[in-house]
Amino acid sequence: MRISKAQLAAVGVAAIYYAVLLVGLMASPSFREWASMPIASLGLGLCIAGLLIAIPRPQVGFLVGMVGTGLAFVSMWWLLPFYLPLPIILGYRLAKEPRALPPSARGS
């Protein structure tokens, strides 16, 4: 598991950010009565899970995070700016993941 301190900090800050957003929505009386609250909660939960999974497994974390972002966006499209950090952070983490070289490229 190779992750820079900056990547780890970004993942941690985003995970806390989405957790606060989720708790805030669940604590709001008007949102608790909202019909799309279960979908929004599941989406935000998957966003958090995707961030945490991306630390050891960037590909899987990206997939889980994007599913969560899609669910959250479908249920709360007006919060689009709040979802943008997730694809940026997960995409950067995925792009910076060192790729394993095929056996023939290692010089063996």
PDB file of N, CA and C in Angstrom:
ATOM      1  N   MET A   1       0.852  -1.179   0.000  1.00  0.00           N
ATOM      2  CA  MET A   1       0.000   0.000   0.000  1.00  0.00           C
ATOM      3  C   MET A   1       0.889   1.230   0.000  1.00  0.00           C
ATOM      4  N   ARG A   2       0.967   1.889  -1.138  1.00  0.00           N
ATOM      5  CA  ARG A   2       1.719   3.131  -1.227  1.00  0.00           C
ATOM      6  C   ARG A   2       0.740   4.285  -1.343  1.00  0.00           C
ATOM      7  N   ILE A   3       0.813   5.179  -0.391  1.00  0.00           N
ATOM      8  CA  ILE A   3      -0.027   6.375  -0.423  1.00  0.00           C
ATOM      9  C   ILE A   3       0.778   7.499   0.214  1.00  0.00           C
ATOM     10  N   SER A   4       0.791   8.637  -0.443  1.00  0.00           N
ATOM     11  CA  SER A   4       1.538   9.771   0.094  1.00  0.00           C
ATOM     12  C   SER A   4       0.768  10.378   1.262  1.00  0.00           C
ATOM     13  N   LYS A   5       1.469  11.168   2.037  1.00  0.00           N
ATOM     14  CA  LYS A   5       0.819  11.830   3.166  1.00  0.00           C
ATOM     15  C   LYS A   5      -0.254  12.796   2.680  1.00  0.00           C
ATOM     16  N   ALA A   6      -0.009  13.452   1.548  1.00  0.00           N
ATOM     17  CA  ALA A   6      -0.995  14.381   1.003  1.00  0.00           C
ATOM     18  C   ALA A   6      -2.257  13.635   0.555  1.00  0.00           C
ATOM     19  N   GLN A   7      -2.073  12.480  -0.089  1.00  0.00           N
ATOM     20  CA  GLN A   7      -3.231  11.683  -0.504  1.00  0.00           C
ATOM     21  C   GLN A   7      -4.008  11.192   0.718  1.00  0.00           C
ATOM     22  N   LEU A   8      -3.283  10.713   1.710  1.00  0.00           N
ATOM     23  CA  LEU A   8      -3.936  10.225   2.919  1.00  0.00           C
ATOM     24  C   LEU A   8      -4.698  11.350   3.618  1.00  0.00           C
ATOM     25  N   ALA A   9      -4.111  12.534   3.663  1.00  0.00           N
ATOM     26  CA  ALA A   9      -4.783  13.678   4.273  1.00  0.00           C
ATOM     27  C   ALA A   9      -6.038  14.047   3.490  1.00  0.00           C
ATOM     28  N   ALA A  10      -5.955  14.053   2.164  1.00  0.00           N
ATOM     29  CA  ALA A  10      -7.124  14.389   1.339  1.00  0.00           C
ATOM     30  C   ALA A  10      -8.245  13.370   1.539  1.00  0.00           C
ATOM     31  N   VAL A  11      -7.890  12.094   1.563  1.00  0.00           N
ATOM     32  CA  VAL A  11      -8.885  11.040   1.787  1.00  0.00           C
ATOM     33  C   VAL A  11      -9.516  11.208   3.165  1.00  0.00           C
ATOM     34  N   GLY A  12      -8.700  11.463   4.185  1.00  0.00           N
ATOM     35  CA  GLY A  12      -9.214  11.634   5.542  1.00  0.00           C
ATOM     36  C   GLY A  12     -10.136  12.834   5.676  1.00  0.00           C
ATOM     37  N   VAL A  13      -9.731  13.963   5.107  1.00  0.00           N
ATOM     38  CA  VAL A  13     -10.561  15.170   5.172  1.00  0.00           C
ATOM     39  C   VAL A  13     -11.884  14.946   4.442  1.00  0.00           C
ATOM     40  N   ALA A  14     -11.827  14.331   3.268  1.00  0.00           N
ATOM     41  CA  ALA A  14     -13.061  14.077   2.513  1.00  0.00           C
ATOM     42  C   ALA A  14     -13.969  13.095   3.240  1.00  0.00           C
ATOM     43  N   ALA A  15     -13.397  12.058   3.851  1.00  0.00           N
ATOM     44  CA  ALA A  15     -14.209  11.089   4.600  1.00  0.00           C
ATOM     45  C   ALA A  15     -14.917  11.774   5.768  1.00  0.00           C
ATOM     46  N   ILE A  16     -14.208  12.623   6.479  1.00  0.00           N
ATOM     47  CA  ILE A  16     -14.818  13.368   7.590  1.00  0.00           C
ATOM     48  C   ILE A  16     -15.896  14.310   7.060  1.00  0.00           C
ATOM     49  N   TYR A  17     -15.610  14.974   5.957  1.00  0.00           N
ATOM     50  CA  TYR A  17     -16.561  15.898   5.322  1.00  0.00           C
ATOM     51  C   TYR A  17     -17.871  15.193   4.977  1.00  0.00           C
ATOM     52  N   TYR A  18     -17.773  14.025   4.329  1.00  0.00           N
ATOM     53  CA  TYR A  18     -18.984  13.298   3.952  1.00  0.00           C
ATOM     54  C   TYR A  18     -19.684  12.719   5.179  1.00  0.00           C
ATOM     55  N   ALA A  19     -18.948  12.341   6.198  1.00  0.00           N
ATOM     56  CA  ALA A  19     -19.565  11.844   7.430  1.00  0.00           C
ATOM     57  C   ALA A  19     -20.361  12.965   8.109  1.00  0.00           C
ATOM     58  N   VAL A  20     -19.786  14.166   8.154  1.00  0.00           N
ATOM     59  CA  VAL A  20     -20.497  15.310   8.743  1.00  0.00           C
ATOM     60  C   VAL A  20     -21.747  15.632   7.924  1.00  0.00           C
ATOM     61  N   LEU A  21     -21.631  15.580   6.600  1.00  0.00           N
ATOM     62  CA  LEU A  21     -22.787  15.825   5.737  1.00  0.00           C
ATOM     63  C   LEU A  21     -23.885  14.792   5.996  1.00  0.00           C
ATOM     64  N   LEU A  22     -23.500  13.533   6.103  1.00  0.00           N
ATOM     65  CA  LEU A  22     -24.471  12.469   6.363  1.00  0.00           C
ATOM     66  C   LEU A  22     -25.136  12.636   7.720  1.00  0.00           C
ATOM     67  N   VAL A  23     -24.358  12.889   8.751  1.00  0.00           N
ATOM     68  CA  VAL A  23     -24.922  13.073  10.097  1.00  0.00           C
ATOM     69  C   VAL A  23     -25.823  14.302  10.121  1.00  0.00           C
ATOM     70  N   GLY A  24     -25.393  15.371   9.450  1.00  0.00           N
ATOM     71  CA  GLY A  24     -26.213  16.581   9.402  1.00  0.00           C
ATOM     72  C   GLY A  24     -27.553  16.335   8.730  1.00  0.00           C
ATOM     73  N   LEU A  25     -27.541  15.582   7.635  1.00  0.00           N
ATOM     74  CA  LEU A  25     -28.804  15.272   6.966  1.00  0.00           C
ATOM     75  C   LEU A  25     -29.699  14.404   7.838  1.00  0.00           C
ATOM     76  N   MET A  26     -29.099  13.416   8.502  1.00  0.00           N
ATOM     77  CA  MET A  26     -29.897  12.529   9.350  1.00  0.00           C
ATOM     78  C   MET A  26     -30.450  13.259  10.571  1.00  0.00           C
ATOM     79  N   ALA A  27     -29.755  14.290  11.034  1.00  0.00           N
ATOM     80  CA  ALA A  27     -30.209  15.035  12.210  1.00  0.00           C
ATOM     81  C   ALA A  27     -31.288  16.059  11.857  1.00  0.00           C
ATOM     82  N   SER A  28     -31.408  16.407  10.590  1.00  0.00           N
ATOM     83  CA  SER A  28     -32.385  17.410  10.175  1.00  0.00           C
ATOM     84  C   SER A  28     -33.788  16.810  10.139  1.00  0.00           C
ATOM     85  N   PRO A  29     -34.724  17.378  10.890  1.00  0.00           N
ATOM     86  CA  PRO A  29     -36.091  16.834  10.897  1.00  0.00           C
ATOM     87  C   PRO A  29     -36.744  16.857   9.512  1.00  0.00           C
ATOM     88  N   SER A  30     -36.478  17.891   8.731  1.00  0.00           N
ATOM     89  CA  SER A  30     -37.126  17.968   7.414  1.00  0.00           C
ATOM     90  C   SER A  30     -36.574  16.907   6.462  1.00  0.00           C
ATOM     91  N   PHE A  31     -35.292  16.583   6.570  1.00  0.00           N
ATOM     92  CA  PHE A  31     -34.714  15.566   5.701  1.00  0.00           C
ATOM     93  C   PHE A  31     -35.098  14.156   6.136  1.00  0.00           C
ATOM     94  N   ARG A  32     -35.325  13.946   7.423  1.00  0.00           N
ATOM     95  CA  ARG A  32     -35.720  12.606   7.885  1.00  0.00           C
ATOM     96  C   ARG A  32     -37.061  12.197   7.318  1.00  0.00           C
ATOM     97  N   GLU A  33     -37.933  13.154   7.037  1.00  0.00           N
ATOM     98  CA  GLU A  33     -39.242  12.866   6.466  1.00  0.00           C
ATOM     99  C   GLU A  33     -39.213  12.817   4.942  1.00  0.00           C
ATOM    100  N   TRP A  34     -38.084  13.131   4.358  1.00  0.00           N
ATOM    101  CA  TRP A  34     -37.932  13.215   2.910  1.00  0.00           C
ATOM    102  C   TRP A  34     -37.893  11.811   2.314  1.00  0.00           C
ATOM    103  N   ALA A  35     -38.628  11.580   1.225  1.00  0.00           N
ATOM    104  CA  ALA A  35     -38.767  10.242   0.635  1.00  0.00           C
ATOM    105  C   ALA A  35     -37.441   9.683   0.114  1.00  0.00           C
ATOM    106  N   SER A  36     -36.539  10.532  -0.344  1.00  0.00           N
ATOM    107  CA  SER A  36     -35.264  10.069  -0.902  1.00  0.00           C
ATOM    108  C   SER A  36     -34.151   9.948   0.137  1.00  0.00           C
ATOM    109  N   MET A  37     -34.476  10.142   1.409  1.00  0.00           N
ATOM    110  CA  MET A  37     -33.441  10.088   2.456  1.00  0.00           C
ATOM    111  C   MET A  37     -32.694   8.753   2.490  1.00  0.00           C
ATOM    112  N   PRO A  38     -33.353   7.589   2.356  1.00  0.00           N
ATOM    113  CA  PRO A  38     -32.595   6.332   2.378  1.00  0.00           C
ATOM    114  C   PRO A  38     -31.581   6.235   1.232  1.00  0.00           C
ATOM    115  N   ILE A  39     -31.958   6.692   0.049  1.00  0.00           N
ATOM    116  CA  ILE A  39     -31.032   6.650  -1.093  1.00  0.00           C
ATOM    117  C   ILE A  39     -29.873   7.599  -0.871  1.00  0.00           C
ATOM    118  N   ALA A  40     -30.170   8.810  -0.384  1.00  0.00           N
ATOM    119  CA  ALA A  40     -29.121   9.787  -0.104  1.00  0.00           C
ATOM    120  C   ALA A  40     -28.167   9.263   0.968  1.00  0.00           C
ATOM    121  N   SER A  41     -28.708   8.657   2.015  1.00  0.00           N
ATOM    122  CA  SER A  41     -27.871   8.114   3.092  1.00  0.00           C
ATOM    123  C   SER A  41     -26.995   6.974   2.583  1.00  0.00           C
ATOM    124  N   LEU A  42     -27.566   6.091   1.795  1.00  0.00           N
ATOM    125  CA  LEU A  42     -26.783   4.997   1.222  1.00  0.00           C
ATOM    126  C   LEU A  42     -25.677   5.545   0.324  1.00  0.00           C
ATOM    127  N   GLY A  43     -26.013   6.523  -0.511  1.00  0.00           N
ATOM    128  CA  GLY A  43     -25.014   7.123  -1.395  1.00  0.00           C
ATOM    129  C   GLY A  43     -23.872   7.761  -0.630  1.00  0.00           C
ATOM    130  N   LEU A  44     -24.190   8.536   0.395  1.00  0.00           N
ATOM    131  CA  LEU A  44     -23.135   9.170   1.181  1.00  0.00           C
ATOM    132  C   LEU A  44     -22.323   8.138   1.958  1.00  0.00           C
ATOM    133  N   GLY A  45     -22.980   7.090   2.447  1.00  0.00           N
ATOM    134  CA  GLY A  45     -22.259   6.010   3.120  1.00  0.00           C
ATOM    135  C   GLY A  45     -21.284   5.316   2.182  1.00  0.00           C
ATOM    136  N   LEU A  46     -21.711   5.095   0.932  1.00  0.00           N
ATOM    137  CA  LEU A  46     -20.817   4.489  -0.056  1.00  0.00           C
ATOM    138  C   LEU A  46     -19.676   5.430  -0.431  1.00  0.00           C
ATOM    139  N   CYS A  47     -19.931   6.728  -0.421  1.00  0.00           N
ATOM    140  CA  CYS A  47     -18.855   7.699  -0.665  1.00  0.00           C
ATOM    141  C   CYS A  47     -17.775   7.558   0.411  1.00  0.00           C
ATOM    142  N   ILE A  48     -18.197   7.473   1.654  1.00  0.00           N
ATOM    143  CA  ILE A  48     -17.247   7.313   2.760  1.00  0.00           C
ATOM    144  C   ILE A  48     -16.517   5.983   2.634  1.00  0.00           C
ATOM    145  N   ALA A  49     -17.264   4.917   2.365  1.00  0.00           N
ATOM    146  CA  ALA A  49     -16.634   3.596   2.214  1.00  0.00           C
ATOM    147  C   ALA A  49     -15.644   3.601   1.056  1.00  0.00           C
ATOM    148  N   GLY A  50     -16.009   4.224  -0.055  1.00  0.00           N
ATOM    149  CA  GLY A  50     -15.113   4.290  -1.206  1.00  0.00           C
ATOM    150  C   GLY A  50     -13.813   5.000  -0.873  1.00  0.00           C
ATOM    151  N   LEU A  51     -13.905   6.066  -0.115  1.00  0.00           N
ATOM    152  CA  LEU A  51     -12.694   6.783   0.290  1.00  0.00           C
ATOM    153  C   LEU A  51     -11.794   5.898   1.147  1.00  0.00           C
ATOM    154  N   LEU A  52     -12.383   5.193   2.094  1.00  0.00           N
ATOM    155  CA  LEU A  52     -11.583   4.353   2.987  1.00  0.00           C
ATOM    156  C   LEU A  52     -11.021   3.130   2.261  1.00  0.00           C
ATOM    157  N   ILE A  53     -11.818   2.556   1.370  1.00  0.00           N
ATOM    158  CA  ILE A  53     -11.340   1.404   0.598  1.00  0.00           C
ATOM    159  C   ILE A  53     -10.221   1.816  -0.351  1.00  0.00           C
ATOM    160  N   ALA A  54     -10.260   3.069  -0.827  1.00  0.00           N
ATOM    161  CA  ALA A  54      -9.256   3.547  -1.785  1.00  0.00           C
ATOM    162  C   ALA A  54      -7.853   3.616  -1.192  1.00  0.00           C
ATOM    163  N   ILE A  55      -7.731   3.594   0.118  1.00  0.00           N
ATOM    164  CA  ILE A  55      -6.395   3.639   0.716  1.00  0.00           C
ATOM    165  C   ILE A  55      -5.619   2.386   0.332  1.00  0.00           C
ATOM    166  N   PRO A  56      -6.151   1.186   0.588  1.00  0.00           N
ATOM    167  CA  PRO A  56      -5.389   0.012   0.156  1.00  0.00           C
ATOM    168  C   PRO A  56      -5.700  -0.437  -1.271  1.00  0.00           C
ATOM    169  N   ARG A  57      -6.914  -0.169  -1.761  1.00  0.00           N
ATOM    170  CA  ARG A  57      -7.347  -0.684  -3.069  1.00  0.00           C
ATOM    171  C   ARG A  57      -7.986   0.441  -3.892  1.00  0.00           C
ATOM    172  N   PRO A  58      -7.190   1.257  -4.574  1.00  0.00           N
ATOM    173  CA  PRO A  58      -7.728   2.416  -5.291  1.00  0.00           C
ATOM    174  C   PRO A  58      -8.791   2.087  -6.337  1.00  0.00           C
ATOM    175  N   GLN A  59      -8.631   0.976  -7.062  1.00  0.00           N
ATOM    176  CA  GLN A  59      -9.601   0.650  -8.106  1.00  0.00           C
ATOM    177  C   GLN A  59     -10.977   0.345  -7.501  1.00  0.00           C
ATOM    178  N   VAL A  60     -10.999  -0.468  -6.468  1.00  0.00           N
ATOM    179  CA  VAL A  60     -12.256  -0.831  -5.814  1.00  0.00           C
ATOM    180  C   VAL A  60     -12.864   0.393  -5.125  1.00  0.00           C
ATOM    181  N   GLY A  61     -12.026   1.172  -4.455  1.00  0.00           N
ATOM    182  CA  GLY A  61     -12.503   2.381  -3.792  1.00  0.00           C
ATOM    183  C   GLY A  61     -13.121   3.363  -4.770  1.00  0.00           C
ATOM    184  N   PHE A  62     -12.501   3.504  -5.948  1.00  0.00           N
ATOM    185  CA  PHE A  62     -13.040   4.395  -6.972  1.00  0.00           C
ATOM    186  C   PHE A  62     -14.419   3.920  -7.414  1.00  0.00           C
ATOM    187  N   LEU A  63     -14.560   2.630  -7.656  1.00  0.00           N
ATOM    188  CA  LEU A  63     -15.838   2.072  -8.088  1.00  0.00           C
ATOM    189  C   LEU A  63     -16.925   2.286  -7.033  1.00  0.00           C
ATOM    190  N   VAL A  64     -16.623   1.950  -5.784  1.00  0.00           N
ATOM    191  CA  VAL A  64     -17.599   2.119  -4.694  1.00  0.00           C
ATOM    192  C   VAL A  64     -17.956   3.599  -4.520  1.00  0.00           C
ATOM    193  N   GLY A  65     -16.944   4.451  -4.561  1.00  0.00           N
ATOM    194  CA  GLY A  65     -17.179   5.888  -4.408  1.00  0.00           C
ATOM    195  C   GLY A  65     -18.024   6.480  -5.521  1.00  0.00           C
ATOM    196  N   MET A  66     -17.808   6.010  -6.750  1.00  0.00           N
ATOM    197  CA  MET A  66     -18.589   6.533  -7.873  1.00  0.00           C
ATOM    198  C   MET A  66     -20.040   6.051  -7.820  1.00  0.00           C
ATOM    199  N   VAL A  67     -20.262   4.825  -7.358  1.00  0.00           N
ATOM    200  CA  VAL A  67     -21.642   4.353  -7.168  1.00  0.00           C
ATOM    201  C   VAL A  67     -22.324   5.213  -6.100  1.00  0.00           C
ATOM    202  N   GLY A  68     -21.617   5.470  -5.006  1.00  0.00           N
ATOM    203  CA  GLY A  68     -22.166   6.318  -3.951  1.00  0.00           C
ATOM    204  C   GLY A  68     -22.452   7.725  -4.431  1.00  0.00           C
ATOM    205  N   THR A  69     -21.532   8.283  -5.214  1.00  0.00           N
ATOM    206  CA  THR A  69     -21.736   9.625  -5.755  1.00  0.00           C
ATOM    207  C   THR A  69     -22.952   9.651  -6.672  1.00  0.00           C
ATOM    208  N   GLY A  70     -23.106   8.605  -7.490  1.00  0.00           N
ATOM    209  CA  GLY A  70     -24.260   8.539  -8.377  1.00  0.00           C
ATOM    210  C   GLY A  70     -25.573   8.480  -7.612  1.00  0.00           C
ATOM    211  N   LEU A  71     -25.624   7.654  -6.580  1.00  0.00           N
ATOM    212  CA  LEU A  71     -26.843   7.564  -5.766  1.00  0.00           C
ATOM    213  C   LEU A  71     -27.146   8.884  -5.066  1.00  0.00           C
ATOM    214  N   ALA A  72     -26.101   9.484  -4.489  1.00  0.00           N
ATOM    215  CA  ALA A  72     -26.298  10.751  -3.795  1.00  0.00           C
ATOM    216  C   ALA A  72     -26.733  11.837  -4.777  1.00  0.00           C
ATOM    217  N   PHE A  73     -26.136  11.845  -5.968  1.00  0.00           N
ATOM    218  CA  PHE A  73     -26.496  12.855  -6.968  1.00  0.00           C
ATOM    219  C   PHE A  73     -27.937  12.679  -7.430  1.00  0.00           C
ATOM    220  N   VAL A  74     -28.365  11.438  -7.645  1.00  0.00           N
ATOM    221  CA  VAL A  74     -29.738  11.187  -8.097  1.00  0.00           C
ATOM    222  C   VAL A  74     -30.732  11.671  -7.045  1.00  0.00           C
ATOM    223  N   SER A  75     -30.411  11.467  -5.780  1.00  0.00           N
ATOM    224  CA  SER A  75     -31.359  11.837  -4.730  1.00  0.00           C
ATOM    225  C   SER A  75     -31.240  13.300  -4.298  1.00  0.00           C
ATOM    226  N   MET A  76     -30.054  13.884  -4.474  1.00  0.00           N
ATOM    227  CA  MET A  76     -29.847  15.281  -4.043  1.00  0.00           C
ATOM    228  C   MET A  76     -29.023  16.020  -5.099  1.00  0.00           C
ATOM    229  N   TRP A  77     -29.546  16.186  -6.299  1.00  0.00           N
ATOM    230  CA  TRP A  77     -28.798  16.784  -7.397  1.00  0.00           C
ATOM    231  C   TRP A  77     -28.374  18.216  -7.104  1.00  0.00           C
ATOM    232  N   TRP A  78     -29.115  18.939  -6.278  1.00  0.00           N
ATOM    233  CA  TRP A  78     -28.816  20.334  -5.988  1.00  0.00           C
ATOM    234  C   TRP A  78     -27.541  20.492  -5.156  1.00  0.00           C
ATOM    235  N   LEU A  79     -27.028  19.386  -4.613  1.00  0.00           N
ATOM    236  CA  LEU A  79     -25.776  19.439  -3.844  1.00  0.00           C
ATOM    237  C   LEU A  79     -24.566  19.014  -4.680  1.00  0.00           C
ATOM    238  N   LEU A  80     -24.661  19.117  -6.001  1.00  0.00           N
ATOM    239  CA  LEU A  80     -23.573  18.689  -6.880  1.00  0.00           C
ATOM    240  C   LEU A  80     -22.210  19.239  -6.465  1.00  0.00           C
ATOM    241  N   PRO A  81     -22.069  20.520  -6.125  1.00  0.00           N
ATOM    242  CA  PRO A  81     -20.729  21.004  -5.734  1.00  0.00           C
ATOM    243  C   PRO A  81     -20.133  20.263  -4.533  1.00  0.00           C
ATOM    244  N   PHE A  82     -20.991  19.716  -3.680  1.00  0.00           N
ATOM    245  CA  PHE A  82     -20.502  18.985  -2.517  1.00  0.00           C
ATOM    246  C   PHE A  82     -19.982  17.600  -2.884  1.00  0.00           C
ATOM    247  N   TYR A  83     -20.422  17.080  -4.030  1.00  0.00           N
ATOM    248  CA  TYR A  83     -19.963  15.755  -4.462  1.00  0.00           C
ATOM    249  C   TYR A  83     -18.685  15.805  -5.279  1.00  0.00           C
ATOM    250  N   LEU A  84     -18.341  16.963  -5.816  1.00  0.00           N
ATOM    251  CA  LEU A  84     -17.189  17.065  -6.703  1.00  0.00           C
ATOM    252  C   LEU A  84     -15.848  16.678  -6.075  1.00  0.00           C
ATOM    253  N   PRO A  85     -15.606  16.936  -4.786  1.00  0.00           N
ATOM    254  CA  PRO A  85     -14.311  16.518  -4.228  1.00  0.00           C
ATOM    255  C   PRO A  85     -14.075  15.012  -4.304  1.00  0.00           C
ATOM    256  N   LEU A  86     -15.126  14.214  -4.211  1.00  0.00           N
ATOM    257  CA  LEU A  86     -14.940  12.760  -4.199  1.00  0.00           C
ATOM    258  C   LEU A  86     -14.347  12.228  -5.500  1.00  0.00           C
ATOM    259  N   PRO A  87     -14.918  12.538  -6.665  1.00  0.00           N
ATOM    260  CA  PRO A  87     -14.290  12.024  -7.892  1.00  0.00           C
ATOM    261  C   PRO A  87     -12.882  12.560  -8.107  1.00  0.00           C
ATOM    262  N   ILE A  88     -12.642  13.794  -7.688  1.00  0.00           N
ATOM    263  CA  ILE A  88     -11.304  14.371  -7.850  1.00  0.00           C
ATOM    264  C   ILE A  88     -10.292  13.622  -6.993  1.00  0.00           C
ATOM    265  N   ILE A  89     -10.615  13.408  -5.723  1.00  0.00           N
ATOM    266  CA  ILE A  89      -9.686  12.726  -4.813  1.00  0.00           C
ATOM    267  C   ILE A  89      -9.504  11.271  -5.213  1.00  0.00           C
ATOM    268  N   LEU A  90     -10.600  10.578  -5.493  1.00  0.00           N
ATOM    269  CA  LEU A  90     -10.481   9.166  -5.868  1.00  0.00           C
ATOM    270  C   LEU A  90      -9.794   9.001  -7.223  1.00  0.00           C
ATOM    271  N   GLY A  91     -10.074   9.890  -8.149  1.00  0.00           N
ATOM    272  CA  GLY A  91      -9.406   9.828  -9.449  1.00  0.00           C
ATOM    273  C   GLY A  91      -7.916  10.084  -9.330  1.00  0.00           C
ATOM    274  N   TYR A  92      -7.539  11.036  -8.493  1.00  0.00           N
ATOM    275  CA  TYR A  92      -6.124  11.320  -8.276  1.00  0.00           C
ATOM    276  C   TYR A  92      -5.438  10.125  -7.610  1.00  0.00           C
ATOM    277  N   ARG A  93      -6.103   9.551  -6.626  1.00  0.00           N
ATOM    278  CA  ARG A  93      -5.548   8.372  -5.938  1.00  0.00           C
ATOM    279  C   ARG A  93      -5.364   7.224  -6.922  1.00  0.00           C
ATOM    280  N   LEU A  94      -6.335   7.015  -7.780  1.00  0.00           N
ATOM    281  CA  LEU A  94      -6.263   5.943  -8.770  1.00  0.00           C
ATOM    282  C   LEU A  94      -5.147   6.215  -9.778  1.00  0.00           C
ATOM    283  N   ALA A  95      -5.030   7.454 -10.218  1.00  0.00           N
ATOM    284  CA  ALA A  95      -3.999   7.807 -11.200  1.00  0.00           C
ATOM    285  C   ALA A  95      -2.593   7.682 -10.624  1.00  0.00           C
ATOM    286  N   LYS A  96      -2.434   7.936  -9.353  1.00  0.00           N
ATOM    287  CA  LYS A  96      -1.111   7.897  -8.724  1.00  0.00           C
ATOM    288  C   LYS A  96      -0.735   6.522  -8.193  1.00  0.00           C
ATOM    289  N   GLU A  97      -1.639   5.549  -8.306  1.00  0.00           N
ATOM    290  CA  GLU A  97      -1.346   4.191  -7.838  1.00  0.00           C
ATOM    291  C   GLU A  97      -0.233   3.603  -8.702  1.00  0.00           C
ATOM    292  N   PRO A  98       0.836   3.148  -8.078  1.00  0.00           N
ATOM    293  CA  PRO A  98       1.901   2.536  -8.888  1.00  0.00           C
ATOM    294  C   PRO A  98       1.395   1.242  -9.524  1.00  0.00           C
ATOM    295  N   ARG A  99       1.585   1.157 -10.803  1.00  0.00           N
ATOM    296  CA  ARG A  99       1.161  -0.038 -11.526  1.00  0.00           C
ATOM    297  C   ARG A  99       2.220  -1.114 -11.421  1.00  0.00           C
ATOM    298  N   ALA A 100       1.795  -2.328 -11.233  1.00  0.00           N
ATOM    299  CA  ALA A 100       2.736  -3.460 -11.194  1.00  0.00           C
ATOM    300  C   ALA A 100       3.220  -3.730 -12.609  1.00  0.00           C
ATOM    301  N   LEU A 101       4.501  -3.879 -12.762  1.00  0.00           N
ATOM    302  CA  LEU A 101       5.061  -4.154 -14.068  1.00  0.00           C
ATOM    303  C   LEU A 101       4.832  -5.625 -14.431  1.00  0.00           C
ATOM    304  N   PRO A 102       4.568  -5.898 -15.694  1.00  0.00           N
ATOM    305  CA  PRO A 102       4.443  -7.308 -16.089  1.00  0.00           C
ATOM    306  C   PRO A 102       5.777  -8.001 -15.919  1.00  0.00           C
ATOM    307  N   PRO A 103       5.780  -9.334 -15.713  1.00  0.00           N
ATOM    308  CA  PRO A 103       7.026 -10.051 -15.449  1.00  0.00           C
ATOM    309  C   PRO A 103       8.112  -9.814 -16.493  1.00  0.00           C
ATOM    310  N   SER A 104       7.755  -9.664 -17.755  1.00  0.00           N
ATOM    311  CA  SER A 104       8.764  -9.458 -18.795  1.00  0.00           C
ATOM    312  C   SER A 104       9.415  -8.090 -18.726  1.00  0.00           C
ATOM    313  N   ALA A 105       8.744  -7.100 -18.114  1.00  0.00           N
ATOM    314  CA  ALA A 105       9.281  -5.748 -18.027  1.00  0.00           C
ATOM    315  C   ALA A 105      10.182  -5.571 -16.802  1.00  0.00           C
ATOM    316  N   ARG A 106      10.189  -6.507 -15.899  1.00  0.00           N
ATOM    317  CA  ARG A 106      10.993  -6.388 -14.680  1.00  0.00           C
ATOM    318  C   ARG A 106      12.459  -6.726 -14.914  1.00  0.00           C
ATOM    319  N   GLY A 107      12.780  -7.277 -16.051  1.00  0.00           N
ATOM    320  CA  GLY A 107      14.156  -7.654 -16.317  1.00  0.00           C
ATOM    321  C   GLY A 107      14.469  -9.072 -15.884  1.00  0.00           C
ATOM    322  N   SER A 108      13.446  -9.852 -15.580  1.00  0.00           N
ATOM    323  CA  SER A 108      13.661 -11.238 -15.155  1.00  0.00           C
ATOM    324  C   SER A 108      13.664 -12.157 -16.349  1.00  0.00           C
TER     325      SER A 108
END
